[in-house]
Amino acid sequence: MKQFDRAALAQVLSNGIKELPLELNQAQVDKLLDYLALLLKWNSVYNLTSLRDPMQMVTHHLLDSLAAVPAFAGAVNVLDVGAGGGLPGMVLAIARPDMKVAMIDTVHKKTAFLTQVKAELGLANVTVYTMRVEQLEVKQPYDVITSRAFADLSDFVNWSGHLLAEGGQFIALKGVAPQDERERLPADWKVSHLQPLTVPGLDAERHLVFIRKTV
């Protein structure tokens, strides 16, 4: 495991946040670094991410997820499907403490990690579920349902559409803009917007795919 040089990582993270640009205070930056340290520690046993270099994780995970934060402006109740190690859910919860963020995954070791992060970082706005999203039932539907590298867009919508509030939207974090996936969407759903993302320090295609109900 590569050394966790907190000062160097903090510098890259802070520079990236300024470049995005996002308004995060020092306490939020510290929480993001605390989350990264936990991800690195648990990753050695649980294999939560294929990345092992903390500096790469700042760019590919933290800044990659932070680049999506402005898209959630106005959202108050968000679900991250197939949350895995907490990307983008945990990053959203830290960046937007005013927003409720639920995360769901079928893999118990991943949700155990998310529950630990919630406890250690004192994230009162986080809820964690261990189950298939098709089986989840909630009293308050979500105004945004998100995922990052989770599934085909049609599966994403079919499996979790029952949890979306009226007038709500899906926001999928994708690499390349998947034309074939967009064409396979169920008839009553459509891509309302496709937004390219620029992630500081990351030379790769990133897109947000916004999906809404047509009727």
C-alpha atoms as a PDB file:
ATOM      1  CA  MET A   1       0.000   0.000   0.000  1.00  0.00           C
ATOM      2  CA  LYS A   2       1.363   3.395  -1.004  1.00  0.00           C
ATOM      3  CA  GLN A   3       2.049   5.907   1.745  1.00  0.00           C
ATOM      4  CA  PHE A   4      -0.790   8.215   2.775  1.00  0.00           C
ATOM      5  CA  ASP A   5       0.892  11.635   2.595  1.00  0.00           C
ATOM      6  CA  ARG A   6      -1.996  13.693   3.957  1.00  0.00           C
ATOM      7  CA  ALA A   7      -0.445  17.121   3.282  1.00  0.00           C
ATOM      8  CA  ALA A   8       0.315  16.319  -0.368  1.00  0.00           C
ATOM      9  CA  LEU A   9      -3.118  14.757  -0.898  1.00  0.00           C
ATOM     10  CA  ALA A  10      -4.801  17.760   0.763  1.00  0.00           C
ATOM     11  CA  GLN A  11      -2.973  20.095  -1.626  1.00  0.00           C
ATOM     12  CA  VAL A  12      -4.100  18.223  -4.750  1.00  0.00           C
ATOM     13  CA  LEU A  13      -7.656  17.908  -3.422  1.00  0.00           C
ATOM     14  CA  SER A  14      -7.883  21.599  -2.450  1.00  0.00           C
ATOM     15  CA  ASN A  15      -6.489  22.723  -5.815  1.00  0.00           C
ATOM     16  CA  GLY A  16      -8.992  20.503  -7.620  1.00  0.00           C
ATOM     17  CA  ILE A  17     -11.903  21.865  -5.545  1.00  0.00           C
ATOM     18  CA  LYS A  18     -10.874  25.438  -6.467  1.00  0.00           C
ATOM     19  CA  GLU A  19     -10.647  24.473 -10.127  1.00  0.00           C
ATOM     20  CA  LEU A  20     -14.110  22.916 -10.230  1.00  0.00           C
ATOM     21  CA  PRO A  21     -15.039  25.481  -8.575  1.00  0.00           C
ATOM     22  CA  LEU A  22     -16.786  24.329  -5.396  1.00  0.00           C
ATOM     23  CA  GLU A  23     -17.285  26.074  -2.075  1.00  0.00           C
ATOM     24  CA  LEU A  24     -16.130  23.573   0.533  1.00  0.00           C
ATOM     25  CA  ASN A  25     -14.815  24.536   3.961  1.00  0.00           C
ATOM     26  CA  GLN A  26     -11.752  23.054   5.658  1.00  0.00           C
ATOM     27  CA  ALA A  27     -13.853  20.679   7.769  1.00  0.00           C
ATOM     28  CA  GLN A  28     -15.346  19.197   4.583  1.00  0.00           C
ATOM     29  CA  VAL A  29     -11.900  18.815   2.977  1.00  0.00           C
ATOM     30  CA  ASP A  30     -10.713  17.062   6.159  1.00  0.00           C
ATOM     31  CA  LYS A  31     -13.719  14.710   6.049  1.00  0.00           C
ATOM     32  CA  LEU A  32     -12.995  13.845   2.412  1.00  0.00           C
ATOM     33  CA  LEU A  33      -9.412  12.971   3.380  1.00  0.00           C
ATOM     34  CA  ASP A  34     -10.637  10.956   6.391  1.00  0.00           C
ATOM     35  CA  TYR A  35     -12.974   9.074   4.045  1.00  0.00           C
ATOM     36  CA  LEU A  36     -10.095   8.426   1.644  1.00  0.00           C
ATOM     37  CA  ALA A  37      -7.922   7.097   4.492  1.00  0.00           C
ATOM     38  CA  LEU A  38     -10.718   4.676   5.500  1.00  0.00           C
ATOM     39  CA  LEU A  39     -11.231   3.610   1.881  1.00  0.00           C
ATOM     40  CA  LEU A  40      -7.530   2.875   1.563  1.00  0.00           C
ATOM     41  CA  LYS A  41      -7.425   0.970   4.847  1.00  0.00           C
ATOM     42  CA  TRP A  42     -10.494  -1.191   4.158  1.00  0.00           C
ATOM     43  CA  ASN A  43      -9.480  -1.669   0.528  1.00  0.00           C
ATOM     44  CA  SER A  44      -6.506  -3.793   1.518  1.00  0.00           C
ATOM     45  CA  VAL A  45      -8.926  -6.392   2.915  1.00  0.00           C
ATOM     46  CA  TYR A  46     -12.241  -5.808   1.149  1.00  0.00           C
ATOM     47  CA  ASN A  47     -11.135  -4.817  -2.375  1.00  0.00           C
ATOM     48  CA  LEU A  48     -13.560  -1.877  -2.639  1.00  0.00           C
ATOM     49  CA  THR A  49     -11.695  -0.308  -5.566  1.00  0.00           C
ATOM     50  CA  SER A  50      -9.033  -1.484  -8.016  1.00  0.00           C
ATOM     51  CA  LEU A  51      -6.973   1.657  -7.317  1.00  0.00           C
ATOM     52  CA  ARG A  52      -4.250   1.369  -4.685  1.00  0.00           C
ATOM     53  CA  ASP A  53      -2.445   4.713  -5.029  1.00  0.00           C
ATOM     54  CA  PRO A  54      -3.986   7.396  -2.753  1.00  0.00           C
ATOM     55  CA  MET A  55      -3.007  10.209  -5.131  1.00  0.00           C
ATOM     56  CA  GLN A  56      -4.816   8.448  -7.992  1.00  0.00           C
ATOM     57  CA  MET A  57      -7.803   7.949  -5.701  1.00  0.00           C
ATOM     58  CA  VAL A  58      -7.987  11.707  -5.058  1.00  0.00           C
ATOM     59  CA  THR A  59      -8.323  12.350  -8.792  1.00  0.00           C
ATOM     60  CA  HIS A  60     -10.233   9.279  -9.991  1.00  0.00           C
ATOM     61  CA  HIS A  61     -12.601   9.012  -7.019  1.00  0.00           C
ATOM     62  CA  LEU A  62     -12.885  12.210  -4.960  1.00  0.00           C
ATOM     63  CA  LEU A  63     -12.544  14.865  -7.671  1.00  0.00           C
ATOM     64  CA  ASP A  64     -14.418  12.693 -10.169  1.00  0.00           C
ATOM     65  CA  SER A  65     -17.394  12.555  -7.782  1.00  0.00           C
ATOM     66  CA  LEU A  66     -17.044  16.209  -6.715  1.00  0.00           C
ATOM     67  CA  ALA A  67     -17.268  17.307 -10.365  1.00  0.00           C
ATOM     68  CA  ALA A  68     -20.871  16.042 -10.326  1.00  0.00           C
ATOM     69  CA  VAL A  69     -21.917  17.984  -7.190  1.00  0.00           C
ATOM     70  CA  PRO A  70     -23.315  21.070  -9.015  1.00  0.00           C
ATOM     71  CA  ALA A  71     -25.755  18.795 -10.885  1.00  0.00           C
ATOM     72  CA  PHE A  72     -27.435  18.044  -7.537  1.00  0.00           C
ATOM     73  CA  ALA A  73     -28.266  21.697  -6.791  1.00  0.00           C
ATOM     74  CA  GLY A  74     -31.780  21.808  -5.369  1.00  0.00           C
ATOM     75  CA  ALA A  75     -31.861  18.083  -4.551  1.00  0.00           C
ATOM     76  CA  VAL A  76     -32.846  17.266  -0.967  1.00  0.00           C
ATOM     77  CA  ASN A  77     -33.248  13.478  -0.980  1.00  0.00           C
ATOM     78  CA  VAL A  78     -30.846  11.374  -3.071  1.00  0.00           C
ATOM     79  CA  LEU A  79     -30.298   7.627  -3.568  1.00  0.00           C
ATOM     80  CA  ASP A  80     -26.977   6.200  -4.792  1.00  0.00           C
ATOM     81  CA  VAL A  81     -27.623   2.777  -6.371  1.00  0.00           C
ATOM     82  CA  GLY A  82     -24.818   0.212  -6.352  1.00  0.00           C
ATOM     83  CA  ALA A  83     -22.931   2.545  -4.031  1.00  0.00           C
ATOM     84  CA  GLY A  84     -19.927   0.226  -3.630  1.00  0.00           C
ATOM     85  CA  GLY A  85     -17.257   2.102  -1.690  1.00  0.00           C
ATOM     86  CA  GLY A  86     -19.415   5.236  -1.516  1.00  0.00           C
ATOM     87  CA  LEU A  87     -18.851   6.925  -4.861  1.00  0.00           C
ATOM     88  CA  PRO A  88     -20.472   9.312  -5.479  1.00  0.00           C
ATOM     89  CA  GLY A  89     -22.796   8.942  -2.459  1.00  0.00           C
ATOM     90  CA  MET A  90     -20.335   9.495   0.381  1.00  0.00           C
ATOM     91  CA  VAL A  91     -18.673  12.399  -1.447  1.00  0.00           C
ATOM     92  CA  LEU A  92     -22.089  13.999  -2.069  1.00  0.00           C
ATOM     93  CA  ALA A  93     -23.009  13.588   1.598  1.00  0.00           C
ATOM     94  CA  ILE A  94     -19.818  15.362   2.700  1.00  0.00           C
ATOM     95  CA  ALA A  95     -20.063  18.126   0.079  1.00  0.00           C
ATOM     96  CA  ARG A  96     -23.795  18.710   0.699  1.00  0.00           C
ATOM     97  CA  PRO A  97     -24.535  18.187   4.410  1.00  0.00           C
ATOM     98  CA  ASP A  98     -27.961  19.802   3.841  1.00  0.00           C
ATOM     99  CA  MET A  99     -28.935  16.918   1.531  1.00  0.00           C
ATOM    100  CA  LYS A 100     -30.082  13.464   2.634  1.00  0.00           C
ATOM    101  CA  VAL A 101     -28.109  10.726   0.886  1.00  0.00           C
ATOM    102  CA  ALA A 102     -29.098   7.060   0.958  1.00  0.00           C
ATOM    103  CA  MET A 103     -26.744   4.398  -0.414  1.00  0.00           C
ATOM    104  CA  ILE A 104     -27.716   0.883  -1.405  1.00  0.00           C
ATOM    105  CA  ASP A 105     -25.613  -2.138  -2.351  1.00  0.00           C
ATOM    106  CA  THR A 106     -26.187  -5.883  -2.306  1.00  0.00           C
ATOM    107  CA  VAL A 107     -22.664  -6.662  -1.057  1.00  0.00           C
ATOM    108  CA  HIS A 108     -22.574  -6.753   2.728  1.00  0.00           C
ATOM    109  CA  LYS A 109     -18.872  -5.954   3.087  1.00  0.00           C
ATOM    110  CA  LYS A 110     -19.384  -2.760   1.064  1.00  0.00           C
ATOM    111  CA  THR A 111     -22.327  -1.595   3.143  1.00  0.00           C
ATOM    112  CA  ALA A 112     -20.402  -2.496   6.327  1.00  0.00           C
ATOM    113  CA  PHE A 113     -17.695  -0.122   5.137  1.00  0.00           C
ATOM    114  CA  LEU A 114     -20.237   2.626   4.354  1.00  0.00           C
ATOM    115  CA  THR A 115     -21.814   2.208   7.789  1.00  0.00           C
ATOM    116  CA  GLN A 116     -18.368   2.510   9.387  1.00  0.00           C
ATOM    117  CA  VAL A 117     -17.616   5.701   7.426  1.00  0.00           C
ATOM    118  CA  LYS A 118     -20.973   7.170   8.464  1.00  0.00           C
ATOM    119  CA  ALA A 119     -20.172   6.459  12.127  1.00  0.00           C
ATOM    120  CA  GLU A 120     -16.533   7.617  12.101  1.00  0.00           C
ATOM    121  CA  LEU A 121     -17.227  10.834  10.179  1.00  0.00           C
ATOM    122  CA  GLY A 122     -20.471  11.586  12.025  1.00  0.00           C
ATOM    123  CA  LEU A 123     -22.547  11.880   8.843  1.00  0.00           C
ATOM    124  CA  ALA A 124     -26.095  12.284  10.142  1.00  0.00           C
ATOM    125  CA  ASN A 125     -27.443  12.776   6.596  1.00  0.00           C
ATOM    126  CA  VAL A 126     -26.450   9.264   5.440  1.00  0.00           C
ATOM    127  CA  THR A 127     -28.587   6.088   5.325  1.00  0.00           C
ATOM    128  CA  VAL A 128     -27.214   2.713   4.203  1.00  0.00           C
ATOM    129  CA  TYR A 129     -29.223  -0.241   2.839  1.00  0.00           C
ATOM    130  CA  THR A 130     -28.015  -3.788   2.136  1.00  0.00           C
ATOM    131  CA  MET A 131     -30.366  -5.262  -0.461  1.00  0.00           C
ATOM    132  CA  ARG A 132     -31.330  -5.287  -4.112  1.00  0.00           C
ATOM    133  CA  VAL A 133     -32.716  -1.903  -5.165  1.00  0.00           C
ATOM    134  CA  GLU A 134     -35.767  -3.614  -6.745  1.00  0.00           C
ATOM    135  CA  GLN A 135     -36.781  -4.753  -3.241  1.00  0.00           C
ATOM    136  CA  LEU A 136     -36.306  -1.394  -1.510  1.00  0.00           C
ATOM    137  CA  GLU A 137     -39.439   0.390  -0.317  1.00  0.00           C
ATOM    138  CA  VAL A 138     -39.341   3.861   1.237  1.00  0.00           C
ATOM    139  CA  LYS A 139     -41.939   6.271   2.635  1.00  0.00           C
ATOM    140  CA  GLN A 140     -40.372   9.279   0.948  1.00  0.00           C
ATOM    141  CA  PRO A 141     -39.369   8.817  -2.702  1.00  0.00           C
ATOM    142  CA  TYR A 142     -36.115  10.349  -3.965  1.00  0.00           C
ATOM    143  CA  ASP A 143     -35.929  13.482  -6.097  1.00  0.00           C
ATOM    144  CA  VAL A 144     -32.627  12.269  -7.598  1.00  0.00           C
ATOM    145  CA  ILE A 145     -31.406   8.689  -8.047  1.00  0.00           C
ATOM    146  CA  THR A 146     -27.768   8.400  -9.058  1.00  0.00           C
ATOM    147  CA  SER A 147     -25.169   5.763  -9.854  1.00  0.00           C
ATOM    148  CA  ARG A 148     -21.566   5.610 -10.952  1.00  0.00           C
ATOM    149  CA  ALA A 149     -20.471   2.810 -13.283  1.00  0.00           C
ATOM    150  CA  PHE A 150     -23.350   0.700 -11.925  1.00  0.00           C
ATOM    151  CA  ALA A 151     -25.295  -0.867 -14.797  1.00  0.00           C
ATOM    152  CA  ASP A 152     -26.790  -0.376 -18.216  1.00  0.00           C
ATOM    153  CA  LEU A 153     -29.035   2.731 -18.171  1.00  0.00           C
ATOM    154  CA  SER A 154     -32.156   0.677 -18.953  1.00  0.00           C
ATOM    155  CA  ASP A 155     -31.487  -1.688 -16.015  1.00  0.00           C
ATOM    156  CA  PHE A 156     -30.744   1.279 -13.747  1.00  0.00           C
ATOM    157  CA  VAL A 157     -34.100   2.873 -14.601  1.00  0.00           C
ATOM    158  CA  ASN A 158     -36.112  -0.367 -14.563  1.00  0.00           C
ATOM    159  CA  TRP A 159     -34.738  -1.539 -11.215  1.00  0.00           C
ATOM    160  CA  SER A 160     -35.074   1.736  -9.316  1.00  0.00           C
ATOM    161  CA  GLY A 161     -37.793   3.717 -11.135  1.00  0.00           C
ATOM    162  CA  HIS A 162     -40.361   2.879  -8.413  1.00  0.00           C
ATOM    163  CA  LEU A 163     -38.284   4.913  -5.931  1.00  0.00           C
ATOM    164  CA  LEU A 164     -38.202   8.159  -7.925  1.00  0.00           C
ATOM    165  CA  ALA A 165     -40.471  11.015  -6.852  1.00  0.00           C
ATOM    166  CA  GLU A 166     -42.836  12.580  -9.371  1.00  0.00           C
ATOM    167  CA  GLY A 167     -40.867  15.152 -11.359  1.00  0.00           C
ATOM    168  CA  GLY A 168     -37.578  13.647 -10.166  1.00  0.00           C
ATOM    169  CA  GLN A 169     -34.658  12.582 -12.329  1.00  0.00           C
ATOM    170  CA  PHE A 170     -31.905  10.019 -12.678  1.00  0.00           C
ATOM    171  CA  ILE A 171     -28.318  11.268 -12.887  1.00  0.00           C
ATOM    172  CA  ALA A 172     -25.889   8.568 -14.058  1.00  0.00           C
ATOM    173  CA  LEU A 173     -22.130   9.155 -13.867  1.00  0.00           C
ATOM    174  CA  LYS A 174     -20.602   7.593 -16.953  1.00  0.00           C
ATOM    175  CA  GLY A 175     -17.302   7.600 -18.806  1.00  0.00           C
ATOM    176  CA  VAL A 176     -18.118   7.869 -22.482  1.00  0.00           C
ATOM    177  CA  ALA A 177     -21.625   8.985 -23.390  1.00  0.00           C
ATOM    178  CA  PRO A 178     -23.286   5.614 -24.106  1.00  0.00           C
ATOM    179  CA  GLN A 179     -25.405   6.062 -27.273  1.00  0.00           C
ATOM    180  CA  ASP A 180     -26.474   2.390 -27.409  1.00  0.00           C
ATOM    181  CA  GLU A 181     -27.554   2.441 -23.746  1.00  0.00           C
ATOM    182  CA  ARG A 182     -29.592   5.594 -24.297  1.00  0.00           C
ATOM    183  CA  GLU A 183     -31.392   3.948 -27.218  1.00  0.00           C
ATOM    184  CA  ARG A 184     -32.312   0.950 -25.055  1.00  0.00           C
ATOM    185  CA  LEU A 185     -34.135   3.038 -22.438  1.00  0.00           C
ATOM    186  CA  PRO A 186     -37.772   2.037 -21.789  1.00  0.00           C
ATOM    187  CA  ALA A 187     -40.289   3.979 -23.919  1.00  0.00           C
ATOM    188  CA  ASP A 188     -41.524   6.199 -21.095  1.00  0.00           C
ATOM    189  CA  TRP A 189     -38.014   7.403 -20.143  1.00  0.00           C
ATOM    190  CA  LYS A 190     -35.677   9.664 -22.103  1.00  0.00           C
ATOM    191  CA  VAL A 191     -32.301  11.353 -21.759  1.00  0.00           C
ATOM    192  CA  SER A 192     -33.180  14.981 -21.061  1.00  0.00           C
ATOM    193  CA  HIS A 193     -29.600  16.204 -20.994  1.00  0.00           C
ATOM    194  CA  LEU A 194     -26.052  14.968 -21.511  1.00  0.00           C
ATOM    195  CA  GLN A 195     -23.350  16.932 -19.743  1.00  0.00           C
ATOM    196  CA  PRO A 196     -19.604  16.464 -20.329  1.00  0.00           C
ATOM    197  CA  LEU A 197     -17.546  16.788 -17.136  1.00  0.00           C
ATOM    198  CA  THR A 198     -14.008  18.061 -16.761  1.00  0.00           C
ATOM    199  CA  VAL A 199     -12.271  16.488 -13.779  1.00  0.00           C
ATOM    200  CA  PRO A 200      -9.095  18.276 -12.610  1.00  0.00           C
ATOM    201  CA  GLY A 201      -6.044  16.084 -13.258  1.00  0.00           C
ATOM    202  CA  LEU A 202      -8.032  13.400 -15.102  1.00  0.00           C
ATOM    203  CA  ASP A 203      -7.457  13.012 -18.815  1.00  0.00           C
ATOM    204  CA  ALA A 204     -10.474  10.869 -19.614  1.00  0.00           C
ATOM    205  CA  GLU A 205     -14.009  11.281 -20.889  1.00  0.00           C
ATOM    206  CA  ARG A 206     -16.639  11.806 -18.212  1.00  0.00           C
ATOM    207  CA  HIS A 207     -20.340  12.509 -18.691  1.00  0.00           C
ATOM    208  CA  LEU A 208     -23.463  12.985 -16.617  1.00  0.00           C
ATOM    209  CA  VAL A 209     -26.570  11.435 -18.144  1.00  0.00           C
ATOM    210  CA  PHE A 210     -29.853  13.019 -16.969  1.00  0.00           C
ATOM    211  CA  ILE A 211     -32.945  10.853 -17.448  1.00  0.00           C
ATOM    212  CA  ARG A 212     -36.554  11.888 -16.901  1.00  0.00           C
ATOM    213  CA  LYS A 213     -39.985  10.331 -17.418  1.00  0.00           C
ATOM    214  CA  THR A 214     -41.619  11.399 -20.670  1.00  0.00           C
ATOM    215  CA  VAL A 215     -45.197  11.344 -19.360  1.00  0.00           C
END
